[in-house]
Amino acid sequence: MRSAAVFVLACTLAPVQTPDPSPVPIPAPSAAAPVVLSPDAMRSRERNVLIAVSTILHAEKTYAADNGGFFDEVRCLMRPTECRPTLAADTLPFLDATYNWLEPKLGYTRAFHAGPKASPDEIQRAGASASSLKAFAYTATPLQPGVTGTRAFCGDSSGRLCFTPDGREPPVKDGRCEPCKKME
């Protein structure tokens, strides 16, 4: 209470200043310096990205077990009844539908690479989704290698989890991480 009274008293006793009519130059916005992550922060970020890649691999494997052995596009794992209308309406998604699995996150861009499609005959025999795939790969690549992440990652339908040590996008051929430097 006392400090408030002192503040009010000081404000009322302070001389009134008239503003200077000359405009004050406002500095132009400067480019923000990139945030440098500590080695621990970089490892933590990579662990989270690896969890996302592993989650896709697991969801695809689970979906394939219910789709005649075929994989599918990410959207079908998020909303399976859209791709397989014969499923019960209350079928749970294989991936969290509120999470955008293909949007850049944690300084990494993410991409789904569809492999060869199942033939119409294979799809009909298996009672599978019309968009069924024989293979797929999912990559996570630093937006700025060395700044937003050190390594890039690739997981594919064979269950392999690979990386590139320099952060370049992992090569993918026919829905497979190739060549592949396996995670150990």
N, C-alpha and C. Protein backbone atom coordinates (compact mmCIF):
# COMPACT_ATOMS: atom_id res chain seq x y z
N MET A 1 0.82 -1.18 0.00
CA MET A 1 0.00 0.00 0.00
C MET A 1 0.87 1.24 0.00
N ARG A 2 1.91 1.22 0.83
CA ARG A 2 2.78 2.37 0.91
C ARG A 2 3.47 2.63 -0.42
N SER A 3 3.96 1.57 -1.12
CA SER A 3 4.66 1.78 -2.39
C SER A 3 3.72 2.34 -3.44
N ALA A 4 2.45 1.95 -3.40
CA ALA A 4 1.48 2.48 -4.36
C ALA A 4 1.29 3.98 -4.12
N ALA A 5 1.23 4.36 -2.86
CA ALA A 5 1.05 5.78 -2.55
C ALA A 5 2.26 6.58 -3.01
N VAL A 6 3.45 6.04 -2.83
CA VAL A 6 4.66 6.73 -3.27
C VAL A 6 4.65 6.87 -4.78
N PHE A 7 4.22 5.82 -5.49
CA PHE A 7 4.17 5.85 -6.95
C PHE A 7 3.19 6.93 -7.42
N VAL A 8 2.01 6.98 -6.82
CA VAL A 8 1.01 7.97 -7.20
C VAL A 8 1.55 9.37 -6.92
N LEU A 9 2.16 9.54 -5.77
CA LEU A 9 2.71 10.84 -5.40
C LEU A 9 3.82 11.24 -6.37
N ALA A 10 4.68 10.32 -6.72
CA ALA A 10 5.77 10.62 -7.64
C ALA A 10 5.23 11.00 -9.01
N CYS A 11 4.16 10.34 -9.44
CA CYS A 11 3.59 10.63 -10.76
C CYS A 11 2.94 12.01 -10.77
N THR A 12 2.31 12.38 -9.68
CA THR A 12 1.64 13.68 -9.66
C THR A 12 2.63 14.82 -9.52
N LEU A 13 3.80 14.57 -8.92
CA LEU A 13 4.79 15.62 -8.75
C LEU A 13 5.76 15.72 -9.92
N ALA A 14 5.78 14.70 -10.78
CA ALA A 14 6.72 14.71 -11.90
C ALA A 14 6.32 15.80 -12.88
N PRO A 15 7.30 16.49 -13.44
CA PRO A 15 6.97 17.54 -14.41
C PRO A 15 6.39 16.92 -15.68
N VAL A 16 5.46 17.62 -16.27
CA VAL A 16 4.84 17.16 -17.50
C VAL A 16 5.81 17.41 -18.65
N GLN A 17 6.02 16.36 -19.43
CA GLN A 17 6.92 16.49 -20.58
C GLN A 17 6.09 16.45 -21.84
N THR A 18 6.37 17.33 -22.76
CA THR A 18 5.69 17.31 -24.04
C THR A 18 6.50 16.45 -24.98
N PRO A 19 5.82 15.65 -25.81
CA PRO A 19 6.55 14.77 -26.71
C PRO A 19 7.32 15.57 -27.75
N ASP A 20 8.46 15.02 -28.15
CA ASP A 20 9.27 15.63 -29.20
C ASP A 20 8.54 15.44 -30.52
N PRO A 21 8.30 16.51 -31.25
CA PRO A 21 7.54 16.39 -32.49
C PRO A 21 8.29 15.66 -33.62
N SER A 22 9.59 15.52 -33.51
CA SER A 22 10.32 14.84 -34.59
C SER A 22 10.11 13.33 -34.47
N PRO A 23 9.87 12.66 -35.60
CA PRO A 23 9.61 11.22 -35.55
C PRO A 23 10.86 10.45 -35.10
N VAL A 24 10.62 9.43 -34.33
CA VAL A 24 11.71 8.56 -33.86
C VAL A 24 11.84 7.41 -34.86
N PRO A 25 13.02 7.23 -35.43
CA PRO A 25 13.16 6.14 -36.40
C PRO A 25 13.01 4.77 -35.71
N ILE A 26 12.23 3.91 -36.36
CA ILE A 26 12.03 2.55 -35.85
C ILE A 26 12.95 1.64 -36.64
N PRO A 27 13.79 0.88 -35.95
CA PRO A 27 14.71 0.03 -36.69
C PRO A 27 13.96 -1.03 -37.49
N ALA A 28 14.49 -1.34 -38.67
CA ALA A 28 13.90 -2.37 -39.52
C ALA A 28 14.09 -3.73 -38.85
N PRO A 29 13.09 -4.62 -39.03
CA PRO A 29 13.23 -5.94 -38.41
C PRO A 29 14.43 -6.67 -38.99
N SER A 30 15.18 -7.31 -38.14
CA SER A 30 16.34 -8.05 -38.62
C SER A 30 16.00 -9.53 -38.68
N ALA A 31 16.74 -10.25 -39.50
CA ALA A 31 16.54 -11.69 -39.61
C ALA A 31 16.92 -12.32 -38.28
N ALA A 32 16.05 -13.15 -37.78
CA ALA A 32 16.32 -13.80 -36.50
C ALA A 32 17.46 -14.79 -36.66
N ALA A 33 18.32 -14.79 -35.71
CA ALA A 33 19.43 -15.74 -35.72
C ALA A 33 18.88 -17.13 -35.49
N PRO A 34 19.41 -18.14 -36.20
CA PRO A 34 18.90 -19.49 -36.00
C PRO A 34 19.19 -19.97 -34.58
N VAL A 35 18.25 -20.71 -34.05
CA VAL A 35 18.42 -21.27 -32.72
C VAL A 35 19.39 -22.43 -32.82
N VAL A 36 20.41 -22.40 -32.00
CA VAL A 36 21.39 -23.49 -31.99
C VAL A 36 21.00 -24.44 -30.86
N LEU A 37 20.75 -25.68 -31.25
CA LEU A 37 20.34 -26.67 -30.27
C LEU A 37 21.55 -27.31 -29.61
N SER A 38 21.42 -27.60 -28.35
CA SER A 38 22.48 -28.31 -27.64
C SER A 38 22.49 -29.76 -28.13
N PRO A 39 23.59 -30.47 -27.95
CA PRO A 39 23.62 -31.88 -28.34
C PRO A 39 22.50 -32.70 -27.68
N ASP A 40 22.18 -32.40 -26.42
CA ASP A 40 21.10 -33.12 -25.75
C ASP A 40 19.75 -32.80 -26.39
N ALA A 41 19.52 -31.55 -26.74
CA ALA A 41 18.26 -31.16 -27.38
C ALA A 41 18.15 -31.81 -28.76
N MET A 42 19.28 -31.90 -29.48
CA MET A 42 19.29 -32.53 -30.80
C MET A 42 18.95 -34.02 -30.66
N ARG A 43 19.54 -34.70 -29.68
CA ARG A 43 19.25 -36.12 -29.46
C ARG A 43 17.79 -36.33 -29.07
N SER A 44 17.26 -35.45 -28.25
CA SER A 44 15.86 -35.54 -27.84
C SER A 44 14.94 -35.38 -29.05
N ARG A 45 15.26 -34.42 -29.88
CA ARG A 45 14.47 -34.19 -31.10
C ARG A 45 14.52 -35.42 -31.99
N GLU A 46 15.70 -35.98 -32.17
CA GLU A 46 15.84 -37.18 -33.02
C GLU A 46 15.04 -38.35 -32.44
N ARG A 47 15.05 -38.51 -31.12
CA ARG A 47 14.27 -39.59 -30.50
C ARG A 47 12.79 -39.42 -30.81
N ASN A 48 12.28 -38.20 -30.71
CA ASN A 48 10.87 -37.95 -31.01
C ASN A 48 10.54 -38.22 -32.47
N VAL A 49 11.45 -37.88 -33.36
CA VAL A 49 11.24 -38.14 -34.78
C VAL A 49 11.26 -39.65 -35.03
N LEU A 50 12.18 -40.35 -34.39
CA LEU A 50 12.23 -41.81 -34.53
C LEU A 50 10.96 -42.47 -34.01
N ILE A 51 10.39 -41.92 -32.96
CA ILE A 51 9.12 -42.45 -32.45
C ILE A 51 8.02 -42.31 -33.51
N ALA A 52 7.98 -41.17 -34.19
CA ALA A 52 6.98 -40.96 -35.25
C ALA A 52 7.18 -41.97 -36.39
N VAL A 53 8.42 -42.17 -36.81
CA VAL A 53 8.70 -43.13 -37.89
C VAL A 53 8.31 -44.54 -37.43
N SER A 54 8.67 -44.91 -36.23
CA SER A 54 8.33 -46.24 -35.69
C SER A 54 6.82 -46.41 -35.57
N THR A 55 6.12 -45.36 -35.20
CA THR A 55 4.66 -45.41 -35.08
C THR A 55 4.03 -45.70 -36.44
N ILE A 56 4.53 -45.06 -37.49
CA ILE A 56 4.02 -45.33 -38.84
C ILE A 56 4.26 -46.79 -39.20
N LEU A 57 5.47 -47.29 -38.94
CA LEU A 57 5.79 -48.69 -39.27
C LEU A 57 4.85 -49.65 -38.55
N HIS A 58 4.64 -49.41 -37.27
CA HIS A 58 3.76 -50.29 -36.49
C HIS A 58 2.31 -50.21 -36.99
N ALA A 59 1.82 -49.00 -37.25
CA ALA A 59 0.45 -48.84 -37.73
C ALA A 59 0.24 -49.51 -39.08
N GLU A 60 1.22 -49.39 -39.97
CA GLU A 60 1.12 -50.04 -41.29
C GLU A 60 1.10 -51.56 -41.15
N LYS A 61 1.94 -52.08 -40.27
CA LYS A 61 1.98 -53.53 -40.07
C LYS A 61 0.64 -54.03 -39.51
N THR A 62 0.07 -53.31 -38.58
CA THR A 62 -1.22 -53.68 -37.99
C THR A 62 -2.33 -53.58 -39.02
N TYR A 63 -2.30 -52.52 -39.81
CA TYR A 63 -3.31 -52.32 -40.85
C TYR A 63 -3.21 -53.45 -41.88
N ALA A 64 -2.00 -53.78 -42.29
CA ALA A 64 -1.81 -54.83 -43.30
C ALA A 64 -2.37 -56.17 -42.83
N ALA A 65 -2.25 -56.46 -41.55
CA ALA A 65 -2.78 -57.71 -41.00
C ALA A 65 -4.30 -57.78 -41.16
N ASP A 66 -4.94 -56.62 -41.26
CA ASP A 66 -6.40 -56.54 -41.41
C ASP A 66 -6.81 -56.19 -42.84
N ASN A 67 -5.82 -56.06 -43.74
CA ASN A 67 -6.08 -55.63 -45.12
C ASN A 67 -5.47 -56.62 -46.12
N GLY A 68 -5.60 -57.88 -45.83
CA GLY A 68 -5.12 -58.90 -46.76
C GLY A 68 -3.62 -58.91 -46.96
N GLY A 69 -2.87 -58.35 -46.01
CA GLY A 69 -1.42 -58.32 -46.11
C GLY A 69 -0.88 -57.10 -46.85
N PHE A 70 -1.76 -56.19 -47.24
CA PHE A 70 -1.33 -55.00 -47.98
C PHE A 70 -1.29 -53.77 -47.08
N PHE A 71 -0.37 -52.89 -47.41
CA PHE A 71 -0.22 -51.61 -46.70
C PHE A 71 -1.14 -50.60 -47.37
N ASP A 72 -1.10 -49.35 -46.90
CA ASP A 72 -1.97 -48.35 -47.49
C ASP A 72 -1.44 -46.95 -47.23
N GLU A 73 -2.11 -45.98 -47.80
CA GLU A 73 -1.74 -44.58 -47.63
C GLU A 73 -2.00 -44.15 -46.19
N VAL A 74 -1.33 -43.10 -45.75
CA VAL A 74 -1.46 -42.61 -44.37
C VAL A 74 -2.91 -42.24 -44.07
N ARG A 75 -3.59 -41.64 -45.00
CA ARG A 75 -4.99 -41.23 -44.77
C ARG A 75 -5.87 -42.43 -44.42
N CYS A 76 -5.57 -43.59 -44.99
CA CYS A 76 -6.37 -44.79 -44.71
C CYS A 76 -6.11 -45.33 -43.31
N LEU A 77 -4.93 -45.09 -42.79
CA LEU A 77 -4.63 -45.51 -41.42
C LEU A 77 -5.30 -44.58 -40.42
N MET A 78 -5.51 -43.34 -40.83
CA MET A 78 -6.16 -42.36 -39.95
C MET A 78 -7.69 -42.48 -40.00
N ARG A 79 -8.21 -42.83 -41.17
CA ARG A 79 -9.66 -42.97 -41.37
C ARG A 79 -9.93 -44.25 -42.17
N PRO A 80 -9.77 -45.41 -41.54
CA PRO A 80 -9.85 -46.68 -42.27
C PRO A 80 -11.19 -46.94 -42.96
N THR A 81 -12.28 -46.46 -42.40
CA THR A 81 -13.58 -46.74 -43.02
C THR A 81 -13.76 -45.99 -44.34
N GLU A 82 -13.00 -44.93 -44.56
CA GLU A 82 -13.06 -44.23 -45.85
C GLU A 82 -12.43 -45.07 -46.96
N CYS A 83 -11.43 -45.86 -46.62
CA CYS A 83 -10.74 -46.67 -47.61
C CYS A 83 -11.32 -48.09 -47.70
N ARG A 84 -11.92 -48.51 -46.60
CA ARG A 84 -12.53 -49.85 -46.56
C ARG A 84 -13.95 -49.72 -45.99
N PRO A 85 -14.90 -49.33 -46.84
CA PRO A 85 -16.27 -49.09 -46.38
C PRO A 85 -16.94 -50.30 -45.73
N THR A 86 -16.41 -51.50 -45.96
CA THR A 86 -17.02 -52.69 -45.37
C THR A 86 -16.68 -52.85 -43.89
N LEU A 87 -15.74 -52.05 -43.39
CA LEU A 87 -15.41 -52.10 -41.97
C LEU A 87 -16.56 -51.51 -41.15
N ALA A 88 -16.66 -51.95 -39.91
CA ALA A 88 -17.68 -51.39 -39.02
C ALA A 88 -17.44 -49.89 -38.85
N ALA A 89 -18.51 -49.15 -38.75
CA ALA A 89 -18.41 -47.69 -38.64
C ALA A 89 -17.61 -47.25 -37.42
N ASP A 90 -17.58 -48.06 -36.38
CA ASP A 90 -16.86 -47.68 -35.16
C ASP A 90 -15.42 -48.24 -35.12
N THR A 91 -14.91 -48.66 -36.28
CA THR A 91 -13.53 -49.15 -36.35
C THR A 91 -12.57 -48.04 -35.93
N LEU A 92 -11.71 -48.36 -35.01
CA LEU A 92 -10.74 -47.37 -34.53
C LEU A 92 -9.66 -47.12 -35.57
N PRO A 93 -9.12 -45.90 -35.62
CA PRO A 93 -8.03 -45.62 -36.55
C PRO A 93 -6.75 -46.33 -36.12
N PHE A 94 -5.88 -46.57 -37.07
CA PHE A 94 -4.59 -47.19 -36.80
C PHE A 94 -3.55 -46.14 -36.44
N LEU A 95 -3.82 -44.89 -36.84
CA LEU A 95 -2.99 -43.74 -36.50
C LEU A 95 -3.89 -42.64 -35.95
N ASP A 96 -3.36 -41.85 -35.06
CA ASP A 96 -4.09 -40.71 -34.50
C ASP A 96 -4.50 -39.77 -35.63
N ALA A 97 -5.81 -39.62 -35.82
CA ALA A 97 -6.33 -38.79 -36.91
C ALA A 97 -6.21 -37.30 -36.62
N THR A 98 -5.88 -36.92 -35.39
CA THR A 98 -5.75 -35.50 -35.05
C THR A 98 -4.33 -35.00 -35.26
N TYR A 99 -3.42 -35.89 -35.56
CA TYR A 99 -2.01 -35.54 -35.75
C TYR A 99 -1.70 -35.57 -37.23
N ASN A 100 -1.10 -34.51 -37.76
CA ASN A 100 -0.77 -34.49 -39.18
C ASN A 100 0.60 -35.15 -39.37
N TRP A 101 0.58 -36.38 -39.81
CA TRP A 101 1.79 -37.20 -39.95
C TRP A 101 2.68 -36.76 -41.10
N LEU A 102 2.17 -35.92 -41.99
CA LEU A 102 2.95 -35.49 -43.15
C LEU A 102 3.36 -34.02 -43.08
N GLU A 103 3.10 -33.39 -41.96
CA GLU A 103 3.43 -31.97 -41.78
C GLU A 103 4.80 -31.85 -41.11
N PRO A 104 5.59 -30.84 -41.50
CA PRO A 104 6.88 -30.65 -40.81
C PRO A 104 6.67 -30.40 -39.32
N LYS A 105 7.46 -31.09 -38.50
CA LYS A 105 7.41 -30.93 -37.06
C LYS A 105 8.80 -31.14 -36.49
N LEU A 106 9.10 -30.45 -35.39
CA LEU A 106 10.39 -30.57 -34.71
C LEU A 106 11.58 -30.33 -35.64
N GLY A 107 11.39 -29.47 -36.64
CA GLY A 107 12.48 -29.16 -37.56
C GLY A 107 12.73 -30.22 -38.62
N TYR A 108 11.79 -31.16 -38.78
CA TYR A 108 11.92 -32.22 -39.77
C TYR A 108 10.73 -32.19 -40.73
N THR A 109 11.01 -32.41 -42.00
CA THR A 109 9.95 -32.61 -42.98
C THR A 109 9.70 -34.11 -43.04
N ARG A 110 8.47 -34.49 -43.27
CA ARG A 110 8.10 -35.91 -43.28
C ARG A 110 7.42 -36.22 -44.60
N ALA A 111 7.68 -37.42 -45.11
CA ALA A 111 7.11 -37.79 -46.40
C ALA A 111 6.77 -39.28 -46.42
N PHE A 112 5.65 -39.60 -47.06
CA PHE A 112 5.23 -40.98 -47.27
C PHE A 112 5.53 -41.30 -48.72
N HIS A 113 6.19 -42.41 -48.95
CA HIS A 113 6.56 -42.84 -50.30
C HIS A 113 5.84 -44.15 -50.61
N ALA A 114 4.83 -44.07 -51.44
CA ALA A 114 4.06 -45.26 -51.81
C ALA A 114 4.91 -46.14 -52.72
N GLY A 115 4.86 -47.42 -52.46
CA GLY A 115 5.53 -48.39 -53.33
C GLY A 115 4.56 -48.88 -54.38
N PRO A 116 4.85 -50.02 -54.98
CA PRO A 116 3.95 -50.57 -56.01
C PRO A 116 2.55 -50.84 -55.44
N LYS A 117 1.56 -50.56 -56.26
CA LYS A 117 0.17 -50.81 -55.87
C LYS A 117 -0.16 -52.29 -56.06
N ALA A 118 -1.07 -52.78 -55.26
CA ALA A 118 -1.59 -54.14 -55.44
C ALA A 118 -2.46 -54.13 -56.70
N SER A 119 -2.48 -55.22 -57.42
CA SER A 119 -3.29 -55.29 -58.64
C SER A 119 -4.77 -55.40 -58.25
N PRO A 120 -5.66 -55.02 -59.16
CA PRO A 120 -7.09 -55.15 -58.87
C PRO A 120 -7.48 -56.59 -58.51
N ASP A 121 -6.86 -57.56 -59.16
CA ASP A 121 -7.15 -58.96 -58.85
C ASP A 121 -6.71 -59.31 -57.43
N GLU A 122 -5.51 -58.85 -57.03
CA GLU A 122 -5.01 -59.10 -55.67
C GLU A 122 -5.91 -58.43 -54.63
N ILE A 123 -6.35 -57.24 -54.94
CA ILE A 123 -7.22 -56.49 -54.03
C ILE A 123 -8.55 -57.22 -53.85
N GLN A 124 -9.12 -57.69 -54.95
CA GLN A 124 -10.40 -58.38 -54.89
C GLN A 124 -10.28 -59.70 -54.11
N ARG A 125 -9.24 -60.47 -54.39
CA ARG A 125 -9.04 -61.75 -53.68
C ARG A 125 -8.89 -61.54 -52.18
N ALA A 126 -8.19 -60.47 -51.79
CA ALA A 126 -7.92 -60.21 -50.37
C ALA A 126 -9.04 -59.43 -49.68
N GLY A 127 -9.96 -58.89 -50.46
CA GLY A 127 -10.99 -58.03 -49.88
C GLY A 127 -10.36 -56.78 -49.27
N ALA A 128 -9.35 -56.27 -49.95
CA ALA A 128 -8.54 -55.17 -49.43
C ALA A 128 -9.00 -53.82 -49.97
N SER A 129 -8.40 -52.79 -49.43
CA SER A 129 -8.66 -51.41 -49.85
C SER A 129 -8.24 -51.22 -51.32
N ALA A 130 -8.98 -50.39 -52.02
CA ALA A 130 -8.66 -50.12 -53.43
C ALA A 130 -7.32 -49.41 -53.59
N SER A 131 -6.83 -48.77 -52.54
CA SER A 131 -5.55 -48.05 -52.61
C SER A 131 -4.39 -48.86 -52.02
N SER A 132 -4.59 -50.17 -51.85
CA SER A 132 -3.58 -51.03 -51.22
C SER A 132 -2.23 -50.98 -51.91
N LEU A 133 -1.19 -51.08 -51.10
CA LEU A 133 0.19 -51.01 -51.56
C LEU A 133 0.95 -52.27 -51.15
N LYS A 134 1.91 -52.64 -51.98
CA LYS A 134 2.77 -53.78 -51.65
C LYS A 134 3.95 -53.36 -50.79
N ALA A 135 4.30 -52.09 -50.84
CA ALA A 135 5.44 -51.57 -50.07
C ALA A 135 5.24 -50.08 -49.84
N PHE A 136 5.97 -49.55 -48.87
CA PHE A 136 5.94 -48.12 -48.58
C PHE A 136 7.22 -47.76 -47.84
N ALA A 137 7.52 -46.49 -47.82
CA ALA A 137 8.60 -45.96 -46.98
C ALA A 137 8.11 -44.63 -46.42
N TYR A 138 8.65 -44.29 -45.25
CA TYR A 138 8.31 -43.03 -44.59
C TYR A 138 9.62 -42.39 -44.18
N THR A 139 9.83 -41.15 -44.58
CA THR A 139 11.08 -40.47 -44.28
C THR A 139 10.85 -39.23 -43.42
N ALA A 140 11.88 -38.91 -42.63
CA ALA A 140 11.91 -37.69 -41.83
C ALA A 140 13.28 -37.07 -42.03
N THR A 141 13.30 -35.88 -42.61
CA THR A 141 14.55 -35.22 -43.00
C THR A 141 14.63 -33.84 -42.36
N PRO A 142 15.79 -33.49 -41.77
CA PRO A 142 15.91 -32.15 -41.18
C PRO A 142 15.66 -31.05 -42.22
N LEU A 143 14.90 -30.05 -41.82
CA LEU A 143 14.66 -28.91 -42.72
C LEU A 143 15.98 -28.21 -43.03
N GLN A 144 16.87 -28.14 -42.03
CA GLN A 144 18.21 -27.57 -42.19
C GLN A 144 19.20 -28.53 -41.53
N PRO A 145 19.78 -29.44 -42.34
CA PRO A 145 20.71 -30.40 -41.74
C PRO A 145 21.80 -29.71 -40.91
N GLY A 146 22.03 -30.24 -39.72
CA GLY A 146 23.02 -29.68 -38.81
C GLY A 146 22.46 -28.59 -37.92
N VAL A 147 21.30 -28.03 -38.27
CA VAL A 147 20.70 -26.97 -37.49
C VAL A 147 19.43 -27.48 -36.79
N THR A 148 18.50 -28.04 -37.59
CA THR A 148 17.25 -28.55 -37.01
C THR A 148 17.32 -30.04 -36.70
N GLY A 149 18.34 -30.69 -37.16
CA GLY A 149 18.54 -32.12 -36.91
C GLY A 149 19.84 -32.56 -37.55
N THR A 150 20.41 -33.61 -37.02
CA THR A 150 21.69 -34.10 -37.55
C THR A 150 21.47 -35.18 -38.60
N ARG A 151 20.68 -36.18 -38.25
CA ARG A 151 20.46 -37.32 -39.15
C ARG A 151 19.06 -37.27 -39.75
N ALA A 152 18.90 -37.92 -40.91
CA ALA A 152 17.59 -38.12 -41.52
C ALA A 152 17.26 -39.60 -41.36
N PHE A 153 15.96 -39.91 -41.35
CA PHE A 153 15.53 -41.28 -41.08
C PHE A 153 14.58 -41.80 -42.14
N CYS A 154 14.59 -43.13 -42.30
CA CYS A 154 13.70 -43.79 -43.23
C CYS A 154 13.27 -45.12 -42.61
N GLY A 155 11.98 -45.39 -42.65
CA GLY A 155 11.44 -46.68 -42.24
C GLY A 155 10.63 -47.22 -43.39
N ASP A 156 10.63 -48.53 -43.59
CA ASP A 156 9.87 -49.07 -44.71
C ASP A 156 9.09 -50.32 -44.34
N SER A 157 8.36 -50.84 -45.31
CA SER A 157 7.45 -51.95 -45.10
C SER A 157 8.16 -53.25 -44.74
N SER A 158 9.46 -53.33 -44.94
CA SER A 158 10.20 -54.53 -44.53
C SER A 158 10.50 -54.49 -43.03
N GLY A 159 10.22 -53.35 -42.39
CA GLY A 159 10.48 -53.18 -40.98
C GLY A 159 11.83 -52.54 -40.69
N ARG A 160 12.58 -52.25 -41.75
CA ARG A 160 13.89 -51.62 -41.56
C ARG A 160 13.74 -50.18 -41.11
N LEU A 161 14.68 -49.76 -40.29
CA LEU A 161 14.77 -48.37 -39.86
C LEU A 161 16.20 -47.93 -40.15
N CYS A 162 16.33 -46.95 -41.03
CA CYS A 162 17.64 -46.53 -41.54
C CYS A 162 17.85 -45.04 -41.30
N PHE A 163 19.08 -44.59 -41.54
CA PHE A 163 19.39 -43.17 -41.38
C PHE A 163 20.48 -42.75 -42.35
N THR A 164 20.56 -41.44 -42.56
CA THR A 164 21.70 -40.86 -43.26
C THR A 164 22.41 -39.98 -42.23
N PRO A 165 23.71 -40.16 -42.05
CA PRO A 165 24.42 -39.44 -41.00
C PRO A 165 24.54 -37.93 -41.24
N ASP A 166 24.43 -37.50 -42.50
CA ASP A 166 24.62 -36.08 -42.81
C ASP A 166 23.30 -35.31 -42.93
N GLY A 167 22.17 -35.97 -42.70
CA GLY A 167 20.89 -35.28 -42.75
C GLY A 167 20.27 -35.16 -44.12
N ARG A 168 20.94 -35.69 -45.15
CA ARG A 168 20.32 -35.67 -46.48
C ARG A 168 19.13 -36.63 -46.51
N GLU A 169 18.13 -36.33 -47.36
CA GLU A 169 16.96 -37.21 -47.43
C GLU A 169 17.40 -38.61 -47.83
N PRO A 170 16.93 -39.61 -47.09
CA PRO A 170 17.29 -41.00 -47.42
C PRO A 170 16.72 -41.39 -48.78
N PRO A 171 17.49 -42.11 -49.58
CA PRO A 171 16.97 -42.54 -50.88
C PRO A 171 15.89 -43.61 -50.70
N VAL A 172 14.86 -43.52 -51.53
CA VAL A 172 13.75 -44.48 -51.50
C VAL A 172 13.53 -44.97 -52.92
N LYS A 173 13.41 -46.30 -53.06
CA LYS A 173 13.16 -46.90 -54.37
C LYS A 173 12.05 -47.93 -54.21
N ASP A 174 10.97 -47.75 -54.96
CA ASP A 174 9.84 -48.68 -54.94
C ASP A 174 9.30 -48.92 -53.52
N GLY A 175 9.24 -47.87 -52.74
CA GLY A 175 8.71 -47.99 -51.39
C GLY A 175 9.65 -48.66 -50.41
N ARG A 176 10.93 -48.64 -50.70
CA ARG A 176 11.94 -49.23 -49.81
C ARG A 176 13.06 -48.22 -49.59
N CYS A 177 13.62 -48.24 -48.39
CA CYS A 177 14.76 -47.40 -48.06
C CYS A 177 15.99 -48.06 -48.68
N GLU A 178 16.49 -47.49 -49.76
CA GLU A 178 17.66 -48.09 -50.43
C GLU A 178 18.56 -47.01 -50.98
N PRO A 179 19.84 -47.09 -50.76
CA PRO A 179 20.51 -48.00 -49.83
C PRO A 179 20.17 -47.63 -48.40
N CYS A 180 20.47 -48.55 -47.51
CA CYS A 180 20.01 -48.39 -46.13
C CYS A 180 21.14 -48.58 -45.14
N LYS A 181 21.40 -47.56 -44.33
CA LYS A 181 22.35 -47.69 -43.22
C LYS A 181 21.49 -47.94 -41.99
N LYS A 182 21.40 -49.21 -41.59
CA LYS A 182 20.49 -49.62 -40.52
C LYS A 182 20.83 -48.98 -39.18
N MET A 183 19.76 -48.68 -38.44
CA MET A 183 19.91 -48.18 -37.07
C MET A 183 20.42 -49.34 -36.21
N GLU A 184 21.30 -49.05 -35.30
CA GLU A 184 21.81 -50.09 -34.40
C GLU A 184 21.57 -49.73 -32.97
